[in-house]
């Protein structure tokens, strides 16, 4: 692994003398990384808070983002120093922002506002949203100066309709990308960061990881009953005047019926209510998730030949799961690189880290509920 440092202006400042590292890469979400550097090597001092890091594997980009943490550890005899540098991917630019209906150019009390609206091909709506919230078209207080959102022919498979106010920008982008069948990612060129999208590839025949070919080591297969089979979405209004939308997706295998209510007081549009219902059913469907130790196979290397969001196949002693690669956890040192993948319709980090995964999932759900309550 090569860890390249870039300064605030994204100008390259050399390679970090890394001893080991870990990166958790998440599909359409914030990835995290940490690197242990040799503190006795003066080159690590090139890194500064808020600078940028780009990590590659045999030339293939794995993750790039912003340094958020430094930790220095010295031995009692002061002969050995280890520097830990951690950070987040550029998806954090989205996670740190809210969807503001009309981003203000003045401070103080904000004027009464409705919501940010967009309708059309998923790719076009997402690009416009990012441009106007944090990209080149955003007011100075919100604009990320090095971020570019270029035009593209990537549109996505569905037309989407968005009506949001003061909701988390990453949550909105992720939801619309999943509705439109798109993968969002950031790349760097010269001194700029580019927000891009691509259509995921179906590589279920080309990338087939099995126990026999050495692509899969230990694994955990989790089959989960549906969490939602019926959704009722409530829009603007109260009592008999409230606009409602109902959608169902019965599951004949588990024989479970679960009804969920979704509060969308921010909208009256039937298309938005339907979209919210479909998203809830998609997230709550029955799942087969496999988490496994992954090993390179000939001519199939992660990052170069397949990426997050692509559909690949995992053959587990005869039971086959062909689905989306959601999470890649990579650890490395001077001797070896280990990878752990998760394949399934949606990510479930509880299968990667049993100690903290469920707590993190609960915190995210509570945060989502709080945002919905605060923005009515």
Protein backbone atom coordinates (compact mmCIF):
# COMPACT_ATOMS: atom_id res chain seq x y z
CA UNK A 1 0.00 0.00 0.00
CA UNK A 2 1.20 3.51 -0.79
CA UNK A 3 0.00 6.41 1.34
CA UNK A 4 0.43 9.76 -0.40
CA UNK A 5 0.15 13.02 1.53
CA UNK A 6 -1.38 16.17 0.02
CA UNK A 7 -1.55 19.62 1.60
CA UNK A 8 -4.56 21.93 2.01
CA UNK A 9 -4.33 22.91 -1.66
CA UNK A 10 -4.11 19.20 -2.64
CA UNK A 11 -0.52 19.56 -3.85
CA UNK A 12 1.41 16.28 -3.35
CA UNK A 13 3.84 16.37 -0.40
CA UNK A 14 5.42 12.94 -0.62
CA UNK A 15 4.74 9.44 0.67
CA UNK A 16 4.03 8.64 4.31
CA UNK A 17 6.49 6.09 5.82
CA UNK A 18 3.68 3.74 6.85
CA UNK A 19 4.27 0.59 8.88
CA UNK A 20 0.71 -0.73 8.83
CA UNK A 21 -2.81 0.44 8.26
CA UNK A 22 -6.51 -0.29 8.06
CA UNK A 23 -9.27 0.98 5.80
CA UNK A 24 -13.00 0.24 6.00
CA UNK A 25 -14.52 1.07 2.63
CA UNK A 26 -18.29 1.52 2.47
CA UNK A 27 -20.52 1.62 -0.59
CA UNK A 28 -22.08 5.10 -1.02
CA UNK A 29 -21.03 6.04 2.51
CA UNK A 30 -18.15 7.50 4.50
CA UNK A 31 -15.09 5.25 4.48
CA UNK A 32 -12.56 5.42 7.32
CA UNK A 33 -8.84 4.72 7.42
CA UNK A 34 -5.90 4.79 9.81
CA UNK A 35 -2.16 4.46 9.22
CA UNK A 36 0.66 3.67 11.63
CA UNK A 37 3.79 5.60 10.63
CA UNK A 38 7.39 5.40 11.77
CA UNK A 39 7.73 8.35 14.14
CA UNK A 40 11.52 8.21 13.92
CA UNK A 41 11.33 8.97 10.20
CA UNK A 42 11.12 12.76 9.71
CA UNK A 43 8.95 12.36 6.60
CA UNK A 44 5.81 11.89 8.69
CA UNK A 45 6.13 15.50 9.86
CA UNK A 46 5.06 16.59 6.39
CA UNK A 47 1.50 15.67 7.36
CA UNK A 48 -0.61 18.36 9.03
CA UNK A 49 -4.15 18.51 10.47
CA UNK A 50 -6.68 18.93 7.70
CA UNK A 51 -4.31 17.75 5.00
CA UNK A 52 -5.33 15.03 2.59
CA UNK A 53 -4.32 11.40 2.08
CA UNK A 54 -4.63 9.12 -0.95
CA UNK A 55 -4.13 5.37 -0.48
CA UNK A 56 -3.45 3.10 -3.45
CA UNK A 57 -2.81 -0.63 -3.87
CA UNK A 58 -0.50 -1.50 -6.77
CA UNK A 59 -1.51 1.79 -8.36
CA UNK A 60 -5.27 1.20 -7.99
CA UNK A 61 -6.97 3.88 -5.84
CA UNK A 62 -8.59 2.53 -2.68
CA UNK A 63 -9.59 5.61 -0.68
CA UNK A 64 -8.81 9.30 -0.49
CA UNK A 65 -9.86 11.83 2.10
CA UNK A 66 -9.05 14.20 4.91
CA UNK A 67 -6.87 13.71 7.98
CA UNK A 68 -8.95 14.11 11.15
CA UNK A 69 -6.72 12.71 13.91
CA UNK A 70 -3.05 12.46 14.99
CA UNK A 71 -1.81 10.28 17.85
CA UNK A 72 1.86 10.12 18.87
CA UNK A 73 3.13 7.27 21.06
CA UNK A 74 6.68 7.21 22.49
CA UNK A 75 8.42 4.31 24.22
CA UNK A 76 9.64 4.82 27.82
CA UNK A 77 13.25 5.09 26.64
CA UNK A 78 12.15 7.60 23.97
CA UNK A 79 13.90 5.54 21.28
CA UNK A 80 10.79 4.49 19.41
CA UNK A 81 7.93 6.68 18.25
CA UNK A 82 4.81 5.59 16.42
CA UNK A 83 2.49 8.06 14.76
CA UNK A 84 -1.14 7.12 14.11
CA UNK A 85 -2.87 9.18 11.43
CA UNK A 86 -6.58 8.61 10.85
CA UNK A 87 -9.19 10.16 8.62
CA UNK A 88 -12.33 9.90 6.55
CA UNK A 89 -13.10 9.67 2.86
CA UNK A 90 -14.48 12.60 0.88
CA UNK A 91 -18.00 11.28 1.43
CA UNK A 92 -17.62 13.11 4.75
CA UNK A 93 -18.07 16.36 2.79
CA UNK A 94 -21.65 15.21 2.19
CA UNK A 95 -22.12 13.78 5.69
CA UNK A 96 -21.10 17.10 7.28
CA UNK A 97 -23.68 19.15 5.36
CA UNK A 98 -27.43 19.69 5.46
CA UNK A 99 -29.81 20.15 2.56
CA UNK A 100 -30.71 23.83 2.87
CA UNK A 101 -33.64 24.94 0.68
CA UNK A 102 -32.01 28.22 -0.39
CA UNK A 103 -28.50 28.36 1.09
CA UNK A 104 -28.28 31.83 2.70
CA UNK A 105 -25.57 34.34 1.94
CA UNK A 106 -26.01 36.28 5.20
CA UNK A 107 -25.63 35.28 8.85
CA UNK A 108 -28.25 35.63 11.53
CA UNK A 109 -31.91 34.78 11.31
CA UNK A 110 -32.77 32.75 8.23
CA UNK A 111 -35.74 33.71 6.09
CA UNK A 112 -38.79 31.45 5.96
CA UNK A 113 -38.03 28.67 3.49
CA UNK A 114 -39.85 25.80 1.86
CA UNK A 115 -37.56 22.99 0.71
CA UNK A 116 -35.01 22.05 -1.92
CA UNK A 117 -36.76 20.37 -4.83
CA UNK A 118 -35.52 18.33 -7.74
CA UNK A 119 -37.08 15.97 -10.25
CA UNK A 120 -35.61 13.98 -13.10
CA UNK A 121 -33.00 11.33 -13.78
CA UNK A 122 -31.31 10.33 -10.53
CA UNK A 123 -27.83 11.28 -11.72
CA UNK A 124 -28.89 14.75 -12.85
CA UNK A 125 -30.78 15.49 -9.62
CA UNK A 126 -27.88 14.32 -7.42
CA UNK A 127 -25.30 16.36 -9.34
CA UNK A 128 -27.43 19.50 -9.11
CA UNK A 129 -28.02 18.91 -5.39
CA UNK A 130 -24.31 18.54 -4.60
CA UNK A 131 -23.37 21.53 -6.77
CA UNK A 132 -25.86 23.82 -5.06
CA UNK A 133 -25.20 22.67 -1.49
CA UNK A 134 -21.39 22.33 -1.28
CA UNK A 135 -20.11 22.48 -4.86
CA UNK A 136 -19.27 25.28 -7.29
CA UNK A 137 -22.80 26.77 -7.23
CA UNK A 138 -23.01 26.94 -3.42
CA UNK A 139 -22.68 30.23 -1.47
CA UNK A 140 -19.21 30.98 -0.12
CA UNK A 141 -20.08 29.84 3.44
CA UNK A 142 -20.94 26.34 2.18
CA UNK A 143 -18.74 25.91 -0.87
CA UNK A 144 -15.87 23.40 -0.74
CA UNK A 145 -13.31 25.28 -2.85
CA UNK A 146 -11.55 22.25 -4.29
CA UNK A 147 -14.71 20.25 -5.10
CA UNK A 148 -15.90 19.85 -8.69
CA UNK A 149 -19.10 18.18 -9.91
CA UNK A 150 -18.66 17.62 -13.66
CA UNK A 151 -21.47 16.87 -16.08
CA UNK A 152 -21.85 13.23 -17.04
CA UNK A 153 -23.91 10.91 -19.20
CA UNK A 154 -24.49 8.70 -16.14
CA UNK A 155 -28.19 9.13 -15.35
CA UNK A 156 -29.30 6.08 -13.39
CA UNK A 157 -32.18 3.73 -14.05
CA UNK A 158 -35.01 5.69 -12.44
CA UNK A 159 -36.54 9.14 -12.33
CA UNK A 160 -36.52 10.51 -8.79
CA UNK A 161 -38.36 13.31 -7.04
CA UNK A 162 -36.72 15.06 -4.10
CA UNK A 163 -38.18 17.47 -1.59
CA UNK A 164 -35.92 18.00 1.44
CA UNK A 165 -35.15 20.62 4.06
CA UNK A 166 -32.41 20.50 6.68
CA UNK A 167 -31.87 16.77 6.23
CA UNK A 168 -28.40 15.26 6.04
CA UNK A 169 -26.93 15.70 2.56
CA UNK A 170 -25.26 12.27 2.51
CA UNK A 171 -28.49 10.54 3.56
CA UNK A 172 -30.34 12.20 0.69
CA UNK A 173 -27.62 11.50 -1.89
CA UNK A 174 -27.30 7.88 -0.76
CA UNK A 175 -31.07 7.29 -0.90
CA UNK A 176 -31.39 8.79 -4.38
CA UNK A 177 -28.33 6.94 -5.65
CA UNK A 178 -29.73 3.62 -4.43
CA UNK A 179 -33.12 4.43 -5.99
CA UNK A 180 -31.42 5.28 -9.27
CA UNK A 181 -29.06 2.29 -9.17
CA UNK A 182 -25.88 4.37 -8.94
CA UNK A 183 -22.57 4.25 -7.08
CA UNK A 184 -21.18 7.57 -5.86
CA UNK A 185 -17.44 8.09 -5.49
CA UNK A 186 -14.76 10.77 -5.34
CA UNK A 187 -11.47 10.91 -7.19
CA UNK A 188 -8.59 13.36 -7.29
CA UNK A 189 -6.77 14.93 -10.21
CA UNK A 190 -4.15 17.65 -9.93
CA UNK A 191 -5.40 19.90 -7.09
CA UNK A 192 -9.11 19.11 -7.37
CA UNK A 193 -11.53 16.56 -5.95
CA UNK A 194 -14.28 15.33 -8.27
CA UNK A 195 -17.66 13.98 -7.20
CA UNK A 196 -18.71 11.32 -9.70
CA UNK A 197 -21.19 8.52 -10.19
CA UNK A 198 -21.13 5.28 -12.11
CA UNK A 199 -23.50 2.45 -12.82
CA UNK A 200 -22.54 -0.70 -10.91
CA UNK A 201 -21.36 -3.63 -13.00
CA UNK A 202 -22.79 -7.13 -12.93
CA UNK A 203 -19.62 -9.18 -12.52
CA UNK A 204 -21.30 -12.24 -11.01
CA UNK A 205 -19.83 -14.41 -13.78
CA UNK A 206 -16.45 -12.68 -14.07
CA UNK A 207 -15.68 -12.39 -10.33
CA UNK A 208 -16.52 -15.66 -8.65
CA UNK A 209 -14.85 -16.17 -5.28
CA UNK A 210 -15.01 -19.72 -3.94
CA UNK A 211 -13.45 -21.89 -1.29
CA UNK A 212 -12.01 -24.06 -4.07
CA UNK A 213 -10.16 -21.25 -5.91
CA UNK A 214 -8.89 -19.74 -2.66
CA UNK A 215 -10.90 -16.54 -2.97
CA UNK A 216 -12.79 -17.21 0.29
CA UNK A 217 -11.36 -18.20 3.67
CA UNK A 218 -13.52 -18.19 6.76
CA UNK A 219 -17.04 -16.86 6.35
CA UNK A 220 -20.26 -16.04 8.14
CA UNK A 221 -23.56 -16.43 6.30
CA UNK A 222 -26.50 -14.57 7.81
CA UNK A 223 -30.06 -15.02 6.59
CA UNK A 224 -32.44 -12.45 8.03
CA UNK A 225 -36.20 -12.30 8.07
CA UNK A 226 -37.80 -9.16 6.62
CA UNK A 227 -37.96 -6.18 8.95
CA UNK A 228 -40.70 -4.48 6.91
CA UNK A 229 -43.36 -5.92 4.59
CA UNK A 230 -45.89 -3.07 4.67
CA UNK A 231 -45.23 0.67 4.77
CA UNK A 232 -47.61 3.55 5.39
CA UNK A 233 -46.10 6.96 4.67
CA UNK A 234 -47.69 10.07 6.13
CA UNK A 235 -47.26 13.39 4.37
CA UNK A 236 -48.48 16.89 5.23
CA UNK A 237 -51.75 17.25 7.11
CA UNK A 238 -53.52 16.02 10.24
CA UNK A 239 -56.38 13.63 10.89
CA UNK A 240 -58.61 12.91 7.94
CA UNK A 241 -56.87 15.54 5.80
CA UNK A 242 -53.43 13.95 6.07
CA UNK A 243 -52.05 12.55 2.80
CA UNK A 244 -51.09 8.88 3.12
CA UNK A 245 -49.44 6.29 0.90
CA UNK A 246 -49.42 2.52 1.45
CA UNK A 247 -47.16 -0.09 -0.16
CA UNK A 248 -46.62 -3.79 0.54
CA UNK A 249 -44.04 -6.45 -0.29
CA UNK A 250 -45.21 -9.81 1.15
CA UNK A 251 -42.52 -12.38 1.90
CA UNK A 252 -43.74 -15.94 1.28
CA UNK A 253 -40.63 -17.65 2.67
CA UNK A 254 -40.57 -16.33 6.23
CA UNK A 255 -44.32 -15.86 6.67
CA UNK A 256 -43.83 -12.61 8.59
CA UNK A 257 -45.91 -9.44 8.26
CA UNK A 258 -44.37 -6.22 9.64
CA UNK A 259 -45.99 -2.80 9.19
CA UNK A 260 -43.90 0.36 9.43
CA UNK A 261 -45.06 3.99 9.56
CA UNK A 262 -42.83 6.62 7.96
CA UNK A 263 -43.38 10.28 8.85
CA UNK A 264 -42.76 12.60 5.89
CA UNK A 265 -44.47 15.78 7.03
CA UNK A 266 -42.20 17.72 4.68
CA UNK A 267 -44.06 16.72 1.51
CA UNK A 268 -47.47 16.49 -0.13
CA UNK A 269 -46.23 14.97 -3.38
CA UNK A 270 -47.47 11.43 -4.10
CA UNK A 271 -44.29 10.53 -5.99
CA UNK A 272 -42.15 11.42 -2.98
CA UNK A 273 -44.42 9.43 -0.66
CA UNK A 274 -44.24 6.42 -2.99
CA UNK A 275 -40.46 6.74 -3.26
CA UNK A 276 -40.14 6.82 0.54
CA UNK A 277 -42.31 3.70 0.84
CA UNK A 278 -40.34 1.81 -1.80
CA UNK A 279 -37.05 2.73 -0.11
CA UNK A 280 -38.30 1.49 3.27
CA UNK A 281 -39.44 -1.80 1.75
CA UNK A 282 -36.12 -2.21 -0.07
CA UNK A 283 -34.11 -1.63 3.10
CA UNK A 284 -36.36 -3.90 5.14
CA UNK A 285 -36.53 -6.88 2.79
CA UNK A 286 -35.33 -10.36 3.74
CA UNK A 287 -31.57 -10.60 3.33
CA UNK A 288 -28.84 -13.11 2.75
CA UNK A 289 -25.54 -11.53 3.82
CA UNK A 290 -22.15 -13.14 3.66
CA UNK A 291 -19.07 -11.73 5.39
CA UNK A 292 -15.83 -13.50 4.55
CA UNK A 293 -12.06 -13.35 4.49
CA UNK A 294 -11.21 -12.51 0.88
CA UNK A 295 -8.05 -13.46 -1.01
CA UNK A 296 -6.88 -12.38 -4.48
CA UNK A 297 -7.44 -14.84 -7.30
CA UNK A 298 -5.62 -14.75 -10.68
CA UNK A 299 -6.52 -11.70 -12.77
CA UNK A 300 -9.12 -10.51 -10.24
CA UNK A 301 -7.85 -7.85 -7.85
CA UNK A 302 -10.11 -5.65 -5.73
CA UNK A 303 -9.81 -1.97 -6.69
CA UNK A 304 -8.51 -2.73 -10.17
CA UNK A 305 -10.89 -5.37 -11.56
CA UNK A 306 -13.93 -4.89 -9.32
CA UNK A 307 -15.06 -2.27 -6.83
CA UNK A 308 -17.62 -1.43 -4.17
CA UNK A 309 -21.13 -1.45 -5.58
CA UNK A 310 -20.39 -4.12 -8.19
CA UNK A 311 -22.24 -7.43 -8.08
CA UNK A 312 -19.95 -10.41 -7.52
CA UNK A 313 -20.43 -14.05 -6.57
CA UNK A 314 -19.44 -15.83 -3.38
CA UNK A 315 -19.71 -19.64 -3.51
CA UNK A 316 -19.83 -21.05 0.02
CA UNK A 317 -19.36 -24.80 -0.16
CA UNK A 318 -22.14 -25.07 -2.70
CA UNK A 319 -24.41 -22.27 -1.47
CA UNK A 320 -24.13 -19.31 -3.81
CA UNK A 321 -24.68 -15.64 -2.99
CA UNK A 322 -24.56 -13.26 -5.96
CA UNK A 323 -25.09 -9.70 -4.77
CA UNK A 324 -23.60 -6.25 -4.20
CA UNK A 325 -20.18 -5.77 -2.61
CA UNK A 326 -21.11 -3.41 0.23
CA UNK A 327 -18.06 -3.24 2.54
CA UNK A 328 -14.37 -4.00 2.16
CA UNK A 329 -12.24 -4.02 5.31
CA UNK A 330 -8.53 -3.98 4.49
CA UNK A 331 -5.62 -4.28 6.91
CA UNK A 332 -1.95 -4.33 5.97
CA UNK A 333 1.60 -4.27 7.25
CA UNK A 334 5.05 -4.89 5.78
CA UNK A 335 4.42 -8.62 5.39
CA UNK A 336 0.87 -9.05 4.14
CA UNK A 337 -2.51 -7.57 3.29
CA UNK A 338 -5.75 -9.03 4.64
CA UNK A 339 -9.21 -8.29 3.29
CA UNK A 340 -12.69 -8.96 4.60
CA UNK A 341 -15.72 -8.41 2.36
CA UNK A 342 -19.44 -8.20 2.88
CA UNK A 343 -21.89 -9.04 0.08
CA UNK A 344 -25.63 -8.43 0.30
CA UNK A 345 -28.51 -6.15 -0.71
CA UNK A 346 -27.65 -3.63 2.04
CA UNK A 347 -24.69 -3.14 4.37
CA UNK A 348 -24.79 -4.54 7.88
CA UNK A 349 -21.73 -3.62 9.91
CA UNK A 350 -22.88 -5.70 12.85
CA UNK A 351 -21.56 -8.68 10.89
CA UNK A 352 -18.09 -7.10 10.71
CA UNK A 353 -17.82 -5.79 14.27
CA UNK A 354 -20.21 -7.46 16.66
CA UNK A 355 -19.06 -5.29 19.57
CA UNK A 356 -19.94 -1.91 18.11
CA UNK A 357 -21.95 -2.57 14.95
CA UNK A 358 -25.39 -2.73 16.55
CA UNK A 359 -24.70 0.32 18.70
CA UNK A 360 -23.60 2.32 15.65
CA UNK A 361 -26.70 1.21 13.74
CA UNK A 362 -28.94 2.29 16.62
CA UNK A 363 -27.22 5.68 16.89
CA UNK A 364 -27.71 6.27 13.15
CA UNK A 365 -31.40 5.35 13.42
CA UNK A 366 -31.97 7.66 16.39
CA UNK A 367 -30.17 10.49 14.55
CA UNK A 368 -32.41 9.95 11.53
CA UNK A 369 -35.55 10.06 13.66
CA UNK A 370 -34.35 13.22 15.42
CA UNK A 371 -33.65 14.97 12.11
CA UNK A 372 -37.10 14.07 10.79
CA UNK A 373 -38.74 15.44 13.95
CA UNK A 374 -36.68 18.65 13.90
CA UNK A 375 -37.40 19.45 10.25
CA UNK A 376 -41.19 19.16 10.21
